[in-house]
PDB file of N, CA and C in Angstrom:
ATOM      1  N   MET A   1       5.895 -18.858   9.436  1.00  0.00           N
ATOM      2  CA  MET A   1       4.862 -18.321   8.555  1.00  0.00           C
ATOM      3  C   MET A   1       5.473 -18.206   7.144  1.00  0.00           C
ATOM      4  N   ALA A   2       4.693 -18.586   6.187  1.00  0.00           N
ATOM      5  CA  ALA A   2       5.130 -18.479   4.815  1.00  0.00           C
ATOM      6  C   ALA A   2       4.099 -17.756   3.999  1.00  0.00           C
ATOM      7  N   TYR A   3       4.042 -16.442   4.221  1.00  0.00           N
ATOM      8  CA  TYR A   3       3.159 -15.614   3.393  1.00  0.00           C
ATOM      9  C   TYR A   3       3.655 -15.428   2.039  1.00  0.00           C
ATOM     10  N   ARG A   4       2.828 -15.533   1.031  1.00  0.00           N
ATOM     11  CA  ARG A   4       3.239 -15.298  -0.338  1.00  0.00           C
ATOM     12  C   ARG A   4       2.845 -13.900  -0.824  1.00  0.00           C
ATOM     13  N   THR A   5       1.689 -13.410  -0.313  1.00  0.00           N
ATOM     14  CA  THR A   5       1.199 -12.092  -0.726  1.00  0.00           C
ATOM     15  C   THR A   5       0.676 -11.407   0.519  1.00  0.00           C
ATOM     16  N   ILE A   6       1.070 -10.126   0.663  1.00  0.00           N
ATOM     17  CA  ILE A   6       0.584  -9.272   1.770  1.00  0.00           C
ATOM     18  C   ILE A   6      -0.058  -8.040   1.161  1.00  0.00           C
ATOM     19  N   VAL A   7      -1.277  -7.733   1.581  1.00  0.00           N
ATOM     20  CA  VAL A   7      -2.054  -6.610   1.053  1.00  0.00           C
ATOM     21  C   VAL A   7      -2.122  -5.598   2.197  1.00  0.00           C
ATOM     22  N   VAL A   8      -1.868  -4.307   1.776  1.00  0.00           N
ATOM     23  CA  VAL A   8      -1.991  -3.208   2.794  1.00  0.00           C
ATOM     24  C   VAL A   8      -2.560  -1.993   2.063  1.00  0.00           C
ATOM     25  N   GLY A   9      -3.446  -1.298   2.732  1.00  0.00           N
ATOM     26  CA  GLY A   9      -4.003  -0.115   2.185  1.00  0.00           C
ATOM     27  C   GLY A   9      -3.259   1.104   2.711  1.00  0.00           C
ATOM     28  N   THR A  10      -3.231   2.158   1.885  1.00  0.00           N
ATOM     29  CA  THR A  10      -2.605   3.395   2.318  1.00  0.00           C
ATOM     30  C   THR A  10      -3.309   4.646   1.814  1.00  0.00           C
ATOM     31  N   ASP A  11      -3.339   5.643   2.630  1.00  0.00           N
ATOM     32  CA  ASP A  11      -3.907   6.933   2.203  1.00  0.00           C
ATOM     33  C   ASP A  11      -2.872   8.064   2.491  1.00  0.00           C
ATOM     34  N   GLY A  12      -1.672   7.633   2.811  1.00  0.00           N
ATOM     35  CA  GLY A  12      -0.556   8.610   3.036  1.00  0.00           C
ATOM     36  C   GLY A  12      -0.535   9.130   4.448  1.00  0.00           C
ATOM     37  N   SER A  13      -1.469   8.751   5.298  1.00  0.00           N
ATOM     38  CA  SER A  13      -1.528   9.202   6.658  1.00  0.00           C
ATOM     39  C   SER A  13      -0.391   8.622   7.504  1.00  0.00           C
ATOM     40  N   PRO A  14      -0.054   9.138   8.665  1.00  0.00           N
ATOM     41  CA  PRO A  14       0.949   8.564   9.506  1.00  0.00           C
ATOM     42  C   PRO A  14       0.625   7.139   9.957  1.00  0.00           C
ATOM     43  N   THR A  15      -0.641   6.902  10.231  1.00  0.00           N
ATOM     44  CA  THR A  15      -1.071   5.553  10.572  1.00  0.00           C
ATOM     45  C   THR A  15      -0.803   4.571   9.441  1.00  0.00           C
ATOM     46  N   ALA A  16      -1.204   4.958   8.256  1.00  0.00           N
ATOM     47  CA  ALA A  16      -1.028   4.125   7.067  1.00  0.00           C
ATOM     48  C   ALA A  16       0.472   3.929   6.775  1.00  0.00           C
ATOM     49  N   ALA A  17       1.281   4.959   7.000  1.00  0.00           N
ATOM     50  CA  ALA A  17       2.711   4.796   6.818  1.00  0.00           C
ATOM     51  C   ALA A  17       3.324   3.781   7.765  1.00  0.00           C
ATOM     52  N   ALA A  18       2.834   3.736   8.979  1.00  0.00           N
ATOM     53  CA  ALA A  18       3.245   2.700   9.915  1.00  0.00           C
ATOM     54  C   ALA A  18       2.827   1.342   9.483  1.00  0.00           C
ATOM     55  N   ALA A  19       1.627   1.219   8.977  1.00  0.00           N
ATOM     56  CA  ALA A  19       1.147  -0.081   8.432  1.00  0.00           C
ATOM     57  C   ALA A  19       1.999  -0.544   7.245  1.00  0.00           C
ATOM     58  N   VAL A  20       2.275   0.421   6.377  1.00  0.00           N
ATOM     59  CA  VAL A  20       3.072   0.081   5.184  1.00  0.00           C
ATOM     60  C   VAL A  20       4.521  -0.373   5.605  1.00  0.00           C
ATOM     61  N   GLY A  21       5.063   0.312   6.569  1.00  0.00           N
ATOM     62  CA  GLY A  21       6.361  -0.084   7.081  1.00  0.00           C
ATOM     63  C   GLY A  21       6.385  -1.429   7.684  1.00  0.00           C
ATOM     64  N   ALA A  22       5.377  -1.768   8.450  1.00  0.00           N
ATOM     65  CA  ALA A  22       5.272  -3.158   9.045  1.00  0.00           C
ATOM     66  C   ALA A  22       5.093  -4.143   7.905  1.00  0.00           C
ATOM     67  N   ALA A  23       4.322  -3.834   6.929  1.00  0.00           N
ATOM     68  CA  ALA A  23       4.011  -4.783   5.804  1.00  0.00           C
ATOM     69  C   ALA A  23       5.307  -5.007   4.991  1.00  0.00           C
ATOM     70  N   VAL A  24       6.061  -3.934   4.781  1.00  0.00           N
ATOM     71  CA  VAL A  24       7.330  -4.051   4.013  1.00  0.00           C
ATOM     72  C   VAL A  24       8.295  -4.973   4.760  1.00  0.00           C
ATOM     73  N   ARG A  25       8.417  -4.707   6.094  1.00  0.00           N
ATOM     74  CA  ARG A  25       9.337  -5.602   6.843  1.00  0.00           C
ATOM     75  C   ARG A  25       8.879  -7.074   6.794  1.00  0.00           C
ATOM     76  N   LEU A  26       7.614  -7.310   6.938  1.00  0.00           N
ATOM     77  CA  LEU A  26       7.121  -8.670   6.948  1.00  0.00           C
ATOM     78  C   LEU A  26       7.277  -9.274   5.551  1.00  0.00           C
ATOM     79  N   ALA A  27       6.982  -8.545   4.517  1.00  0.00           N
ATOM     80  CA  ALA A  27       7.184  -9.034   3.109  1.00  0.00           C
ATOM     81  C   ALA A  27       8.638  -9.384   2.848  1.00  0.00           C
ATOM     82  N   ARG A  28       9.572  -8.560   3.305  1.00  0.00           N
ATOM     83  CA  ARG A  28      10.979  -8.829   3.121  1.00  0.00           C
ATOM     84  C   ARG A  28      11.399 -10.069   3.844  1.00  0.00           C
ATOM     85  N   ARG A  29      10.953 -10.200   5.078  1.00  0.00           N
ATOM     86  CA  ARG A  29      11.282 -11.383   5.926  1.00  0.00           C
ATOM     87  C   ARG A  29      10.728 -12.677   5.306  1.00  0.00           C
ATOM     88  N   CYS A  30       9.564 -12.588   4.729  1.00  0.00           N
ATOM     89  CA  CYS A  30       8.863 -13.758   4.153  1.00  0.00           C
ATOM     90  C   CYS A  30       9.108 -13.976   2.691  1.00  0.00           C
ATOM     91  N   ARG A  31       9.821 -12.987   2.076  1.00  0.00           N
ATOM     92  CA  ARG A  31      10.017 -12.997   0.601  1.00  0.00           C
ATOM     93  C   ARG A  31       8.702 -13.058  -0.138  1.00  0.00           C
ATOM     94  N   ALA A  32       7.789 -12.253   0.407  1.00  0.00           N
ATOM     95  CA  ALA A  32       6.418 -12.183  -0.142  1.00  0.00           C
ATOM     96  C   ALA A  32       6.249 -11.004  -1.065  1.00  0.00           C
ATOM     97  N   ARG A  33       5.297 -11.049  -1.907  1.00  0.00           N
ATOM     98  CA  ARG A  33       4.910  -9.917  -2.765  1.00  0.00           C
ATOM     99  C   ARG A  33       4.009  -8.984  -1.946  1.00  0.00           C
ATOM    100  N   LEU A  34       4.191  -7.712  -2.040  1.00  0.00           N
ATOM    101  CA  LEU A  34       3.424  -6.696  -1.333  1.00  0.00           C
ATOM    102  C   LEU A  34       2.464  -6.017  -2.348  1.00  0.00           C
ATOM    103  N   VAL A  35       1.197  -6.049  -2.020  1.00  0.00           N
ATOM    104  CA  VAL A  35       0.163  -5.370  -2.845  1.00  0.00           C
ATOM    105  C   VAL A  35      -0.252  -4.124  -2.047  1.00  0.00           C
ATOM    106  N   LEU A  36       0.017  -2.958  -2.630  1.00  0.00           N
ATOM    107  CA  LEU A  36      -0.351  -1.704  -1.975  1.00  0.00           C
ATOM    108  C   LEU A  36      -1.621  -1.163  -2.669  1.00  0.00           C
ATOM    109  N   ILE A  37      -2.608  -0.848  -1.847  1.00  0.00           N
ATOM    110  CA  ILE A  37      -3.917  -0.414  -2.429  1.00  0.00           C
ATOM    111  C   ILE A  37      -4.307   0.960  -1.788  1.00  0.00           C
ATOM    112  N   SER A  38      -4.861   1.775  -2.632  1.00  0.00           N
ATOM    113  CA  SER A  38      -5.435   3.003  -2.154  1.00  0.00           C
ATOM    114  C   SER A  38      -6.816   3.219  -2.813  1.00  0.00           C
ATOM    115  N   GLY A  39      -7.831   3.411  -2.005  1.00  0.00           N
ATOM    116  CA  GLY A  39      -9.184   3.666  -2.536  1.00  0.00           C
ATOM    117  C   GLY A  39      -9.336   5.131  -2.797  1.00  0.00           C
ATOM    118  N   VAL A  40     -10.140   5.428  -3.843  1.00  0.00           N
ATOM    119  CA  VAL A  40     -10.394   6.837  -4.211  1.00  0.00           C
ATOM    120  C   VAL A  40     -11.858   7.106  -4.115  1.00  0.00           C
ATOM    121  N   ARG A  41     -12.179   8.084  -3.281  1.00  0.00           N
ATOM    122  CA  ARG A  41     -13.556   8.532  -3.189  1.00  0.00           C
ATOM    123  C   ARG A  41     -13.755   9.760  -4.081  1.00  0.00           C
ATOM    124  N   SER A  42     -14.987  10.036  -4.426  1.00  0.00           N
ATOM    125  CA  SER A  42     -15.262  11.221  -5.241  1.00  0.00           C
ATOM    126  C   SER A  42     -15.010  12.487  -4.469  1.00  0.00           C
ATOM    127  N   GLU A  43     -15.158  12.495  -3.148  1.00  0.00           N
ATOM    128  CA  GLU A  43     -14.940  13.680  -2.308  1.00  0.00           C
ATOM    129  C   GLU A  43     -13.823  13.339  -1.291  1.00  0.00           C
ATOM    130  N   GLY A  44     -12.996  14.333  -1.042  1.00  0.00           N
ATOM    131  CA  GLY A  44     -12.044  14.212   0.077  1.00  0.00           C
ATOM    132  C   GLY A  44     -10.705  13.622  -0.242  1.00  0.00           C
ATOM    133  N   PHE A  45     -10.645  12.659  -1.064  1.00  0.00           N
ATOM    134  CA  PHE A  45      -9.343  11.976  -1.384  1.00  0.00           C
ATOM    135  C   PHE A  45      -9.274  11.755  -2.845  1.00  0.00           C
ATOM    136  N   SER A  46      -8.569  12.551  -3.546  1.00  0.00           N
ATOM    137  CA  SER A  46      -8.548  12.527  -5.020  1.00  0.00           C
ATOM    138  C   SER A  46      -7.695  11.391  -5.555  1.00  0.00           C
ATOM    139  N   GLU A  47      -7.796  11.186  -6.845  1.00  0.00           N
ATOM    140  CA  GLU A  47      -6.978  10.224  -7.522  1.00  0.00           C
ATOM    141  C   GLU A  47      -5.493  10.609  -7.436  1.00  0.00           C
ATOM    142  N   ALA A  48      -5.247  11.899  -7.577  1.00  0.00           N
ATOM    143  CA  ALA A  48      -3.881  12.365  -7.463  1.00  0.00           C
ATOM    144  C   ALA A  48      -3.256  12.102  -6.110  1.00  0.00           C
ATOM    145  N   ALA A  49      -4.077  12.303  -5.039  1.00  0.00           N
ATOM    146  CA  ALA A  49      -3.597  12.011  -3.676  1.00  0.00           C
ATOM    147  C   ALA A  49      -3.335  10.536  -3.485  1.00  0.00           C
ATOM    148  N   ALA A  50      -4.236   9.714  -4.057  1.00  0.00           N
ATOM    149  CA  ALA A  50      -4.032   8.260  -3.942  1.00  0.00           C
ATOM    150  C   ALA A  50      -2.761   7.825  -4.665  1.00  0.00           C
ATOM    151  N   ARG A  51      -2.550   8.376  -5.842  1.00  0.00           N
ATOM    152  CA  ARG A  51      -1.327   7.999  -6.542  1.00  0.00           C
ATOM    153  C   ARG A  51      -0.069   8.480  -5.850  1.00  0.00           C
ATOM    154  N   ALA A  52      -0.108   9.656  -5.209  1.00  0.00           N
ATOM    155  CA  ALA A  52       1.039  10.126  -4.445  1.00  0.00           C
ATOM    156  C   ALA A  52       1.304   9.255  -3.204  1.00  0.00           C
ATOM    157  N   ALA A  53       0.258   8.826  -2.553  1.00  0.00           N
ATOM    158  CA  ALA A  53       0.397   7.972  -1.365  1.00  0.00           C
ATOM    159  C   ALA A  53       1.017   6.657  -1.830  1.00  0.00           C
ATOM    160  N   LEU A  54       0.540   6.111  -2.923  1.00  0.00           N
ATOM    161  CA  LEU A  54       1.020   4.843  -3.479  1.00  0.00           C
ATOM    162  C   LEU A  54       2.485   4.944  -3.873  1.00  0.00           C
ATOM    163  N   ALA A  55       2.818   6.075  -4.504  1.00  0.00           N
ATOM    164  CA  ALA A  55       4.213   6.260  -4.962  1.00  0.00           C
ATOM    165  C   ALA A  55       5.165   6.302  -3.786  1.00  0.00           C
ATOM    166  N   ALA A  56       4.799   6.964  -2.716  1.00  0.00           N
ATOM    167  CA  ALA A  56       5.655   6.967  -1.544  1.00  0.00           C
ATOM    168  C   ALA A  56       5.776   5.585  -0.916  1.00  0.00           C
ATOM    169  N   ALA A  57       4.698   4.820  -0.898  1.00  0.00           N
ATOM    170  CA  ALA A  57       4.762   3.452  -0.302  1.00  0.00           C
ATOM    171  C   ALA A  57       5.602   2.512  -1.208  1.00  0.00           C
ATOM    172  N   VAL A  58       5.394   2.647  -2.517  1.00  0.00           N
ATOM    173  CA  VAL A  58       6.209   1.832  -3.438  1.00  0.00           C
ATOM    174  C   VAL A  58       7.693   2.133  -3.278  1.00  0.00           C
ATOM    175  N   GLU A  59       8.029   3.403  -3.159  1.00  0.00           N
ATOM    176  CA  GLU A  59       9.443   3.808  -2.973  1.00  0.00           C
ATOM    177  C   GLU A  59      10.024   3.173  -1.724  1.00  0.00           C
ATOM    178  N   ALA A  60       9.243   3.160  -0.646  1.00  0.00           N
ATOM    179  CA  ALA A  60       9.683   2.546   0.609  1.00  0.00           C
ATOM    180  C   ALA A  60       9.885   1.023   0.444  1.00  0.00           C
ATOM    181  N   ALA A  61       8.980   0.359  -0.251  1.00  0.00           N
ATOM    182  CA  ALA A  61       9.100  -1.068  -0.475  1.00  0.00           C
ATOM    183  C   ALA A  61      10.305  -1.402  -1.394  1.00  0.00           C
ATOM    184  N   GLU A  62      10.422  -0.686  -2.500  1.00  0.00           N
ATOM    185  CA  GLU A  62      11.494  -0.943  -3.413  1.00  0.00           C
ATOM    186  C   GLU A  62      12.865  -0.650  -2.808  1.00  0.00           C
ATOM    187  N   ALA A  63      12.950   0.301  -1.876  1.00  0.00           N
ATOM    188  CA  ALA A  63      14.215   0.550  -1.168  1.00  0.00           C
ATOM    189  C   ALA A  63      14.667  -0.658  -0.370  1.00  0.00           C
ATOM    190  N   ARG A  64      13.660  -1.440   0.069  1.00  0.00           N
ATOM    191  CA  ARG A  64      13.989  -2.648   0.847  1.00  0.00           C
ATOM    192  C   ARG A  64      14.018  -3.894  -0.024  1.00  0.00           C
ATOM    193  N   ARG A  65      13.974  -3.684  -1.355  1.00  0.00           N
ATOM    194  CA  ARG A  65      13.987  -4.777  -2.345  1.00  0.00           C
ATOM    195  C   ARG A  65      12.838  -5.761  -2.175  1.00  0.00           C
ATOM    196  N   VAL A  66      11.639  -5.211  -1.972  1.00  0.00           N
ATOM    197  CA  VAL A  66      10.439  -6.012  -1.870  1.00  0.00           C
ATOM    198  C   VAL A  66       9.683  -5.893  -3.182  1.00  0.00           C
ATOM    199  N   GLU A  67       9.208  -7.019  -3.700  1.00  0.00           N
ATOM    200  CA  GLU A  67       8.388  -7.053  -4.916  1.00  0.00           C
ATOM    201  C   GLU A  67       7.067  -6.369  -4.557  1.00  0.00           C
ATOM    202  N   VAL A  68       6.657  -5.358  -5.350  1.00  0.00           N
ATOM    203  CA  VAL A  68       5.483  -4.660  -5.052  1.00  0.00           C
ATOM    204  C   VAL A  68       4.586  -4.422  -6.257  1.00  0.00           C
ATOM    205  N   VAL A  69       3.278  -4.465  -5.996  1.00  0.00           N
ATOM    206  CA  VAL A  69       2.252  -4.174  -6.974  1.00  0.00           C
ATOM    207  C   VAL A  69       1.433  -3.078  -6.385  1.00  0.00           C
ATOM    208  N   ARG A  70       1.028  -2.051  -7.205  1.00  0.00           N
ATOM    209  CA  ARG A  70       0.207  -0.963  -6.694  1.00  0.00           C
ATOM    210  C   ARG A  70      -1.132  -0.935  -7.429  1.00  0.00           C
ATOM    211  N   ARG A  71      -2.170  -0.537  -6.671  1.00  0.00           N
ATOM    212  CA  ARG A  71      -3.517  -0.421  -7.228  1.00  0.00           C
ATOM    213  C   ARG A  71      -4.217   0.813  -6.614  1.00  0.00           C
ATOM    214  N   ALA A  72      -4.689   1.707  -7.488  1.00  0.00           N
ATOM    215  CA  ALA A  72      -5.574   2.798  -7.031  1.00  0.00           C
ATOM    216  C   ALA A  72      -6.903   2.466  -7.546  1.00  0.00           C
ATOM    217  N   LEU A  73      -7.860   2.264  -6.642  1.00  0.00           N
ATOM    218  CA  LEU A  73      -9.178   1.730  -7.002  1.00  0.00           C
ATOM    219  C   LEU A  73     -10.275   2.792  -6.657  1.00  0.00           C
ATOM    220  N   GLY A  74     -11.187   2.914  -7.539  1.00  0.00           N
ATOM    221  CA  GLY A  74     -12.304   3.826  -7.314  1.00  0.00           C
ATOM    222  C   GLY A  74     -13.292   3.271  -6.271  1.00  0.00           C
ATOM    223  N   GLY A  75     -13.937   4.139  -5.571  1.00  0.00           N
ATOM    224  CA  GLY A  75     -14.939   3.667  -4.588  1.00  0.00           C
ATOM    225  C   GLY A  75     -14.492   3.866  -3.169  1.00  0.00           C
ATOM    226  N   ASP A  76     -15.351   3.460  -2.255  1.00  0.00           N
ATOM    227  CA  ASP A  76     -15.037   3.608  -0.844  1.00  0.00           C
ATOM    228  C   ASP A  76     -13.835   2.739  -0.455  1.00  0.00           C
ATOM    229  N   PRO A  77     -12.792   3.337   0.182  1.00  0.00           N
ATOM    230  CA  PRO A  77     -11.587   2.582   0.491  1.00  0.00           C
ATOM    231  C   PRO A  77     -11.843   1.305   1.316  1.00  0.00           C
ATOM    232  N   ALA A  78     -12.750   1.346   2.323  1.00  0.00           N
ATOM    233  CA  ALA A  78     -13.002   0.190   3.130  1.00  0.00           C
ATOM    234  C   ALA A  78     -13.626  -0.909   2.274  1.00  0.00           C
ATOM    235  N   ASP A  79     -14.504  -0.578   1.402  1.00  0.00           N
ATOM    236  CA  ASP A  79     -15.128  -1.600   0.528  1.00  0.00           C
ATOM    237  C   ASP A  79     -14.125  -2.142  -0.434  1.00  0.00           C
ATOM    238  N   ARG A  80     -13.245  -1.321  -0.993  1.00  0.00           N
ATOM    239  CA  ARG A  80     -12.268  -1.829  -1.966  1.00  0.00           C
ATOM    240  C   ARG A  80     -11.255  -2.687  -1.358  1.00  0.00           C
ATOM    241  N   LEU A  81     -10.844  -2.432  -0.133  1.00  0.00           N
ATOM    242  CA  LEU A  81      -9.879  -3.359   0.530  1.00  0.00           C
ATOM    243  C   LEU A  81     -10.519  -4.646   0.812  1.00  0.00           C
TER     244      LEU A  81
END
């Protein structure tokens, strides 16, 4: 497999952390760029929480020397992904 870009969403939850970990390992193995996305809703998950979740995921990716891009997007997370 020769993936160039891998996209994964995160909200900072344990399940999302597992997905980010798997995506980081795959990106490193494939030398792919990792795009981390967090959707922001008006209620329940603030922009600050999204940025914190993304920062933790970026830190994990950069520790493994994976090229990473982060995006915090407004709107329903499922729709944004």
